[in-house]
Protein backbone atom coordinates (compact mmCIF):
# COMPACT_ATOMS: atom_id res chain seq x y z
CA MET A 1 -58.52 -3.68 69.73
CA SER A 2 -58.37 -7.06 71.49
CA ARG A 3 -55.01 -8.83 71.51
CA SER A 4 -54.54 -11.90 69.33
CA GLU A 5 -52.57 -15.01 70.28
CA TYR A 6 -51.21 -15.13 66.72
CA ASP A 7 -48.29 -13.28 65.17
CA ALA A 8 -49.14 -13.83 61.50
CA VAL A 9 -51.70 -15.18 59.05
CA VAL A 10 -50.63 -17.13 55.97
CA LEU A 11 -53.10 -16.75 53.11
CA GLY A 12 -53.04 -19.80 50.85
CA CYS A 13 -52.95 -23.57 51.46
CA GLY A 14 -50.84 -24.52 48.46
CA VAL A 15 -47.32 -25.87 48.76
CA LEU A 16 -45.84 -22.37 49.21
CA GLY A 17 -48.28 -21.33 51.94
CA LEU A 18 -47.83 -24.55 53.91
CA SER A 19 -44.03 -24.54 53.53
CA ILE A 20 -43.84 -20.92 54.69
CA ALA A 21 -46.06 -21.68 57.68
CA HIS A 22 -43.63 -24.46 58.67
CA GLU A 23 -40.69 -22.09 58.46
CA LEU A 24 -42.39 -19.37 60.53
CA LYS A 25 -43.42 -21.92 63.14
CA ARG A 26 -39.82 -23.14 63.27
CA LYS A 27 -38.76 -19.56 63.97
CA GLY A 28 -41.10 -19.41 66.97
CA LEU A 29 -44.03 -17.46 65.52
CA LYS A 30 -47.62 -18.39 66.22
CA VAL A 31 -49.23 -18.61 62.80
CA ALA A 32 -52.59 -19.56 61.32
CA VAL A 33 -53.12 -20.69 57.73
CA VAL A 34 -56.26 -19.56 55.91
CA GLY A 35 -57.46 -20.64 52.47
CA ARG A 36 -60.51 -21.13 50.32
CA GLU A 37 -59.25 -24.65 49.54
CA LEU A 38 -57.64 -26.91 52.12
CA PRO A 39 -54.78 -29.35 51.49
CA GLU A 40 -57.26 -32.24 51.55
CA ASP A 41 -59.17 -30.80 48.58
CA VAL A 42 -57.06 -32.77 46.13
CA GLN A 43 -59.84 -32.81 43.51
CA SER A 44 -60.23 -29.02 43.47
CA THR A 45 -59.07 -27.02 40.47
CA GLY A 46 -59.10 -23.94 42.68
CA PHE A 47 -55.40 -24.28 43.35
CA ALA A 48 -52.57 -25.88 41.44
CA SER A 49 -50.64 -27.78 44.10
CA PRO A 50 -52.54 -31.12 44.02
CA TRP A 51 -52.10 -31.47 40.26
CA ALA A 52 -48.33 -31.11 39.94
CA GLY A 53 -46.09 -34.01 38.88
CA ALA A 54 -43.83 -33.18 40.59
CA ASN A 55 -40.18 -33.71 39.81
CA TRP A 56 -37.18 -31.58 40.67
CA HIS A 57 -36.27 -30.09 37.29
CA SER A 58 -35.13 -26.51 37.69
CA PHE A 59 -36.37 -23.72 35.42
CA ALA A 60 -34.18 -21.14 37.22
CA VAL A 61 -33.00 -18.22 35.10
CA ASN A 62 -31.25 -16.11 37.75
CA GLU A 63 -29.23 -16.53 40.94
CA ALA A 64 -32.20 -16.05 43.27
CA GLU A 65 -34.14 -18.82 41.56
CA GLU A 66 -31.10 -21.10 41.53
CA ARG A 67 -30.59 -20.52 45.26
CA ARG A 68 -34.21 -21.44 46.07
CA ASP A 69 -34.10 -24.57 43.92
CA GLU A 70 -30.74 -25.72 45.26
CA PHE A 71 -31.88 -25.37 48.87
CA THR A 72 -35.03 -27.36 48.12
CA PHE A 73 -33.03 -30.05 46.31
CA ARG A 74 -30.82 -30.56 49.35
CA GLU A 75 -33.84 -30.71 51.66
CA PHE A 76 -35.45 -33.30 49.39
CA ALA A 77 -32.37 -35.48 50.00
CA ARG A 78 -33.23 -35.54 53.69
CA LEU A 79 -36.93 -36.06 53.02
CA SER A 80 -36.27 -39.01 50.70
CA LYS A 81 -34.49 -40.82 53.50
CA GLU A 82 -37.11 -40.03 56.15
CA LEU A 83 -40.29 -40.47 54.06
CA PRO A 84 -39.56 -42.45 50.87
CA ASP A 85 -43.27 -42.79 50.03
CA LEU A 86 -43.41 -38.99 49.69
CA CYS A 87 -40.06 -38.24 48.05
CA GLU A 88 -37.81 -40.56 46.08
CA ARG A 89 -34.50 -40.26 44.26
CA ARG A 90 -34.63 -41.84 40.81
CA PRO A 91 -32.98 -41.74 37.34
CA TYR A 92 -33.97 -39.11 34.77
CA PHE A 93 -33.56 -39.53 31.01
CA TYR A 94 -33.98 -36.76 28.42
CA TYR A 95 -34.01 -37.57 24.70
CA TRP A 96 -34.01 -35.48 21.52
CA SER A 97 -33.28 -35.73 17.80
CA GLU A 98 -32.61 -32.13 16.76
CA GLU A 99 -28.96 -31.29 17.37
CA GLY A 100 -28.40 -28.30 19.64
CA ARG A 101 -31.75 -28.57 21.42
CA TRP A 102 -30.25 -29.38 24.83
CA GLN A 103 -28.44 -26.72 26.83
CA ILE A 104 -26.17 -27.88 29.65
CA PRO A 105 -28.12 -26.93 32.81
CA TRP A 106 -26.80 -24.85 35.68
CA TYR A 107 -27.51 -27.74 38.07
CA LYS A 108 -25.25 -30.22 36.24
CA ASP A 109 -22.98 -30.57 39.28
CA LEU A 110 -25.81 -30.50 41.82
CA VAL A 111 -27.73 -33.56 40.61
CA PHE A 112 -26.25 -37.05 40.80
CA GLY A 113 -24.28 -38.64 37.98
CA TYR A 114 -25.00 -36.19 35.16
CA ARG A 115 -23.65 -37.52 31.86
CA ASP A 116 -24.28 -37.50 28.13
CA LEU A 117 -25.61 -40.77 26.79
CA PRO A 118 -23.60 -42.53 24.08
CA PRO A 119 -25.56 -43.49 20.93
CA SER A 120 -25.78 -47.09 22.12
CA GLU A 121 -27.87 -45.98 25.10
CA VAL A 122 -30.27 -43.72 23.18
CA PRO A 123 -33.40 -45.58 22.06
CA ALA A 124 -34.88 -45.12 18.60
CA PRO A 125 -36.24 -42.87 17.21
CA PHE A 126 -34.11 -40.42 19.22
CA LYS A 127 -30.49 -39.46 18.50
CA PHE A 128 -29.22 -37.80 21.68
CA GLY A 129 -29.75 -38.10 25.40
CA VAL A 130 -28.58 -37.21 28.90
CA THR A 131 -29.18 -38.83 32.26
CA TYR A 132 -28.81 -37.99 35.94
CA GLU A 133 -30.62 -38.65 39.22
CA ALA A 134 -32.88 -36.29 41.15
CA TYR A 135 -36.12 -36.41 43.13
CA THR A 136 -39.85 -36.84 42.55
CA LEU A 137 -42.72 -36.18 44.96
CA ASN A 138 -46.12 -37.71 45.58
CA THR A 139 -47.76 -34.30 45.60
CA PRO A 140 -51.19 -35.05 47.15
CA LEU A 141 -49.53 -37.00 49.98
CA TYR A 142 -46.83 -34.37 50.43
CA LEU A 143 -49.44 -31.62 50.79
CA GLN A 144 -51.30 -33.63 53.41
CA HIS A 145 -48.02 -34.38 55.19
CA LEU A 146 -47.26 -30.67 55.42
CA ALA A 147 -50.77 -30.01 56.70
CA SER A 148 -50.82 -32.81 59.26
CA THR A 149 -47.45 -31.83 60.73
CA LEU A 150 -48.58 -28.21 60.99
CA ARG A 151 -51.73 -29.25 62.82
CA ALA A 152 -49.70 -31.48 65.14
CA LEU A 153 -47.61 -28.42 65.98
CA GLY A 154 -50.76 -26.48 66.87
CA VAL A 155 -51.05 -24.46 63.66
CA PRO A 156 -54.72 -24.15 62.60
CA ILE A 157 -55.62 -24.48 58.92
CA ILE A 158 -58.88 -22.63 58.43
CA ARG A 159 -61.23 -22.74 55.48
CA GLN A 160 -62.33 -19.19 54.75
CA ARG A 161 -62.78 -17.16 51.63
CA VAL A 162 -60.90 -13.87 51.95
CA SER A 163 -61.65 -11.31 49.26
CA SER A 164 -59.45 -8.45 50.52
CA LEU A 165 -56.00 -8.22 52.07
CA ASP A 166 -57.35 -5.97 54.82
CA GLU A 167 -59.69 -8.71 56.06
CA ALA A 168 -56.74 -10.96 56.86
CA TYR A 169 -55.52 -8.60 59.60
CA SER A 170 -58.77 -8.92 61.56
CA LEU A 171 -60.21 -12.40 60.94
CA PRO A 172 -62.68 -13.37 63.69
CA SER A 173 -61.26 -16.91 63.73
CA VAL A 174 -57.73 -15.62 64.36
CA GLY A 175 -57.88 -12.15 65.86
CA PRO A 176 -55.90 -9.03 64.96
CA VAL A 177 -52.42 -9.50 63.52
CA ASN A 178 -49.89 -7.08 62.07
CA LEU A 179 -48.35 -9.48 59.56
CA VAL A 180 -49.88 -11.37 56.64
CA ILE A 181 -48.11 -13.71 54.21
CA ASN A 182 -49.74 -13.47 50.80
CA ALA A 183 -49.29 -16.91 49.20
CA THR A 184 -52.55 -16.76 47.27
CA GLY A 185 -51.20 -17.80 43.87
CA LEU A 186 -53.69 -16.91 41.15
CA GLY A 187 -55.80 -15.25 43.81
CA ALA A 188 -53.32 -12.37 43.90
CA ARG A 189 -54.81 -11.20 40.61
CA THR A 190 -58.16 -10.38 42.22
CA LEU A 191 -57.44 -10.07 45.96
CA LEU A 192 -58.49 -6.51 46.87
CA GLY A 193 -55.44 -4.59 48.03
CA VAL A 194 -53.15 -6.61 45.73
CA GLU A 195 -54.88 -6.96 42.34
CA ASP A 196 -51.67 -7.78 40.50
CA PRO A 197 -52.29 -7.59 36.72
CA LEU A 198 -49.04 -9.49 36.06
CA VAL A 199 -50.59 -12.70 37.46
CA HIS A 200 -52.17 -15.15 35.02
CA PRO A 201 -52.80 -18.89 34.72
CA ALA A 202 -50.90 -21.34 32.58
CA LYS A 203 -53.09 -24.36 32.06
CA GLY A 204 -51.50 -27.74 32.50
CA GLN A 205 -53.00 -31.09 31.56
CA THR A 206 -51.73 -34.51 32.57
CA VAL A 207 -52.82 -38.14 32.64
CA LEU A 208 -52.39 -40.21 35.79
CA VAL A 209 -51.69 -43.86 34.93
CA ARG A 210 -50.67 -47.06 36.64
CA ALA A 211 -47.35 -48.44 35.38
CA PRO A 212 -45.54 -50.75 37.83
CA ASP A 213 -42.63 -51.28 35.41
CA VAL A 214 -41.75 -47.57 35.11
CA LYS A 215 -39.43 -46.24 37.81
CA GLU A 216 -37.57 -43.54 35.87
CA CYS A 217 -38.41 -39.98 34.79
CA TYR A 218 -38.34 -39.20 31.08
CA GLY A 219 -38.56 -36.00 29.08
CA LEU A 220 -38.63 -35.05 25.40
CA VAL A 221 -36.46 -32.07 24.52
CA ASP A 222 -37.65 -31.69 20.92
CA LEU A 223 -40.61 -29.40 20.22
CA LEU A 224 -43.94 -30.99 19.37
CA SER A 225 -46.16 -29.74 16.57
CA ARG A 226 -49.02 -28.70 18.87
CA PRO A 227 -48.28 -25.29 20.50
CA GLY A 228 -47.63 -25.51 24.20
CA GLN A 229 -47.44 -29.30 24.21
CA SER A 230 -44.56 -31.23 25.76
CA SER A 231 -43.87 -34.81 26.75
CA TYR A 232 -42.65 -36.04 30.13
CA ILE A 233 -43.07 -38.99 32.49
CA ILE A 234 -42.90 -38.67 36.29
CA PRO A 235 -43.34 -41.74 38.52
CA ARG A 236 -44.81 -40.90 41.92
CA PRO A 237 -43.28 -42.39 45.07
CA GLY A 238 -45.35 -44.85 47.06
CA PRO A 239 -46.80 -48.32 46.61
CA ASP A 240 -49.54 -47.47 44.06
CA SER A 241 -47.29 -47.50 40.94
CA HIS A 242 -48.78 -44.18 39.85
CA VAL A 243 -47.10 -42.27 37.04
CA ILE A 244 -47.88 -38.76 35.76
CA LEU A 245 -47.77 -38.25 31.99
CA GLY A 246 -47.67 -34.74 30.61
CA GLY A 247 -48.32 -32.29 29.42
CA CYS A 248 -49.03 -28.78 28.18
CA TYR A 249 -48.35 -25.17 29.14
CA LEU A 250 -51.06 -22.81 27.91
CA PRO A 251 -50.74 -19.23 29.19
CA ASN A 252 -53.96 -17.31 29.92
CA ASP A 253 -56.14 -20.38 29.47
CA TRP A 254 -58.61 -20.49 32.37
CA SER A 255 -60.44 -23.65 31.26
CA THR A 256 -60.34 -26.52 33.74
CA GLY A 257 -61.65 -29.34 31.56
CA PRO A 258 -59.30 -31.85 29.89
CA ASN A 259 -58.93 -31.60 26.12
CA PRO A 260 -59.26 -35.08 24.53
CA GLU A 261 -56.84 -34.18 21.71
CA VAL A 262 -54.21 -33.09 24.23
CA ALA A 263 -54.78 -36.27 26.25
CA THR A 264 -54.32 -38.45 23.17
CA LEU A 265 -51.07 -36.73 22.23
CA ILE A 266 -49.81 -37.03 25.82
CA LEU A 267 -50.36 -40.81 25.78
CA GLN A 268 -48.89 -41.29 22.30
CA GLU A 269 -45.73 -39.28 22.97
CA ALA A 270 -45.21 -40.79 26.41
CA HIS A 271 -45.34 -44.28 24.92
CA LYS A 272 -42.61 -43.27 22.45
CA LEU A 273 -40.44 -42.10 25.34
CA CYS A 274 -41.04 -45.23 27.40
CA PRO A 275 -42.83 -48.14 25.68
CA ARG A 276 -42.94 -50.05 28.99
CA LEU A 277 -45.86 -47.82 29.98
CA ASP A 278 -48.13 -50.22 28.08
CA GLY A 279 -47.69 -52.92 30.73
CA LYS A 280 -46.72 -55.41 28.03
CA GLY A 281 -42.98 -54.91 28.06
CA GLY A 282 -43.21 -52.35 25.27
CA LYS A 283 -44.90 -54.78 22.88
CA GLY A 284 -48.31 -53.09 23.11
CA THR A 285 -49.46 -49.60 22.08
CA TRP A 286 -50.34 -46.37 23.84
CA LYS A 287 -53.94 -47.60 23.97
CA ASP A 288 -52.86 -50.31 26.42
CA ILE A 289 -51.76 -47.79 29.06
CA ASP A 290 -53.76 -48.19 32.29
CA ILE A 291 -55.41 -44.76 32.74
CA ILE A 292 -56.54 -43.68 36.20
CA SER A 293 -57.59 -40.08 35.57
CA HIS A 294 -57.25 -37.01 33.35
CA ASN A 295 -56.15 -33.93 35.27
CA VAL A 296 -56.06 -30.18 34.74
CA GLY A 297 -54.38 -27.56 36.91
CA LEU A 298 -53.81 -23.83 36.51
CA ARG A 299 -50.24 -22.83 37.28
CA PRO A 300 -50.01 -19.48 39.14
CA VAL A 301 -47.67 -17.58 36.82
CA ARG A 302 -46.50 -14.00 37.24
CA GLU A 303 -44.85 -11.97 34.51
CA GLY A 304 -41.34 -11.30 35.76
CA GLY A 305 -41.41 -14.27 38.13
CA LEU A 306 -42.10 -14.76 41.81
CA ARG A 307 -42.98 -11.71 43.86
CA CYS A 308 -41.18 -12.13 47.18
CA GLU A 309 -40.94 -8.92 49.16
CA VAL A 310 -42.20 -7.06 52.23
CA GLU A 311 -44.76 -4.29 51.78
CA GLU A 312 -45.61 -2.00 54.68
CA ARG A 313 -49.14 -0.65 54.43
CA THR A 314 -52.00 0.98 56.30
CA THR A 315 -55.29 -0.88 56.55
CA GLY A 316 -58.46 0.70 55.19
CA GLN A 317 -56.79 2.85 52.55
CA SER A 318 -57.13 0.61 49.49
CA ARG A 319 -60.52 0.20 47.79
CA ARG A 320 -62.37 1.00 51.02
CA ASP A 321 -65.59 1.36 49.04
CA LEU A 322 -65.41 -2.34 48.12
CA LEU A 323 -64.12 -3.75 51.40
CA PRO A 324 -66.25 -6.36 53.17
CA LYS A 325 -67.15 -5.53 56.75
CA GLY A 326 -64.24 -7.54 58.11
CA GLY A 327 -61.79 -5.47 56.12
CA LYS A 328 -62.95 -2.27 57.78
CA VAL A 329 -62.20 -3.46 61.29
CA GLY A 330 -59.13 -1.72 62.62
CA GLY A 331 -58.79 0.69 59.70
CA GLY A 332 -55.71 2.91 59.85
CA ARG A 333 -53.44 0.28 61.40
CA LYS A 334 -49.79 0.15 60.32
CA VAL A 335 -49.16 -3.42 59.18
CA ALA A 336 -47.05 -5.46 56.77
CA VAL A 337 -47.53 -8.13 54.15
CA VAL A 338 -44.88 -10.46 52.75
CA HIS A 339 -45.84 -11.34 49.20
CA ALA A 340 -44.92 -14.83 48.00
CA TYR A 341 -46.84 -15.60 44.83
CA GLY A 342 -46.34 -16.08 41.11
CA ILE A 343 -44.05 -19.13 41.24
CA GLY A 344 -45.56 -20.66 38.08
CA PRO A 345 -44.56 -24.27 37.41
CA ALA A 346 -41.72 -24.26 39.96
CA GLY A 347 -43.76 -24.44 43.17
CA TYR A 348 -42.56 -27.73 44.62
CA GLN A 349 -38.94 -27.59 43.48
CA SER A 350 -38.59 -24.05 44.88
CA SER A 351 -40.93 -24.32 47.87
CA LEU A 352 -38.50 -24.84 50.72
CA GLY A 353 -36.09 -22.25 49.37
CA VAL A 354 -38.91 -19.73 49.07
CA ALA A 355 -39.97 -20.51 52.65
CA ILE A 356 -36.45 -19.78 53.92
CA GLU A 357 -36.40 -16.52 51.97
CA VAL A 358 -39.77 -15.44 53.36
CA GLY A 359 -38.60 -16.39 56.84
CA GLY A 360 -35.61 -14.10 56.40
CA LEU A 361 -37.84 -11.20 55.33
CA VAL A 362 -40.09 -11.73 58.34
CA ASP A 363 -37.08 -11.98 60.61
CA SER A 364 -35.67 -8.66 59.35
CA TRP A 365 -39.02 -6.89 59.61
CA MET A 366 -39.66 -8.05 63.17
CA LYS A 367 -36.11 -7.34 64.35
CA GLN A 368 -36.56 -3.75 63.24
CA GLY A 369 -39.58 -3.59 65.53
CA ALA A 370 -41.53 -2.28 62.54
CA ASN A 371 -45.03 -1.04 63.22
CA GLY A 372 -44.93 -2.18 66.82
CA ALA A 373 -44.32 -5.82 65.98
CA ARG A 374 -42.77 -7.89 68.75
CA ALA A 375 -39.04 -8.10 67.97
CA LYS A 376 -38.92 -11.65 69.30
CA LEU A 377 -36.76 -13.44 66.73
């Protein structure tokens, strides 16, 4: 078997794959990133990353998730100072009318200036509210920033469809490697050698609008009558005055077309949260909102949450009858894969914390000299 100049292949060009590649490069590994979609494919529904809002609003339900989100939050503070067109700190406002709907979040003391709003600061028709400051991202630009900095560091980002995990250890464009990072998102459901039945999509739908007067994030805490529907407003950093209006969360819905009824409800509810969206100082209606596009993305959800672990394996032993030719090269090799998929709607706000965690797993595996890997870290 010819020797490769690379130590690892990262499968997946979403925000997790690119963030992990950065962390491994920082640790001194030579890595290549491989994906069916590239970071520039911002119109593709084949991966979720281009379609996210995205704001830092933690959904963490355990200590591991809190740790990932907190690390990312603190890194966003640095990013907002260095690249304000990609990441910006701004006020958040959450409103509701049904008493008891809001639960004090674990991150109350992490964000800036968390406080309950007095009735005089809660706009009609709502009765309660909270505010604090956190970060929002311009997701398409952030993806391209991650990609361009990787390329500048000599990390190739290769467009290639990989249908089996075994193929990734012997890609002609990379050469043989003993380590693969599986950041394939929804692809983990069908990737031969993984085929995780716990992975499923959760459809999200948003409306991208232009609203120069809206600089704050807003969210509705009350439930809406349509199942899976919610209401939130996320201004994107940068000079374009773009604002994301959402949204919905529809598990196991694979459709990638926007639903006009959902879009109408998104616009109506967003205008209630922030009438200034109409561009007329709140004196217009939701029909006056300046629409740029209707968007749909499929969140890569996994029952039980993110899978983040090392698996040692032997190539050529899983579904050999279905393996493409490339997956049969070097059969019987002792290798490893670090799985990092199933993040659901938390990709951006957890991404840098997940990358650190994956880096630690890789570090431990290589220090053990497992499977003949170079213990170079």
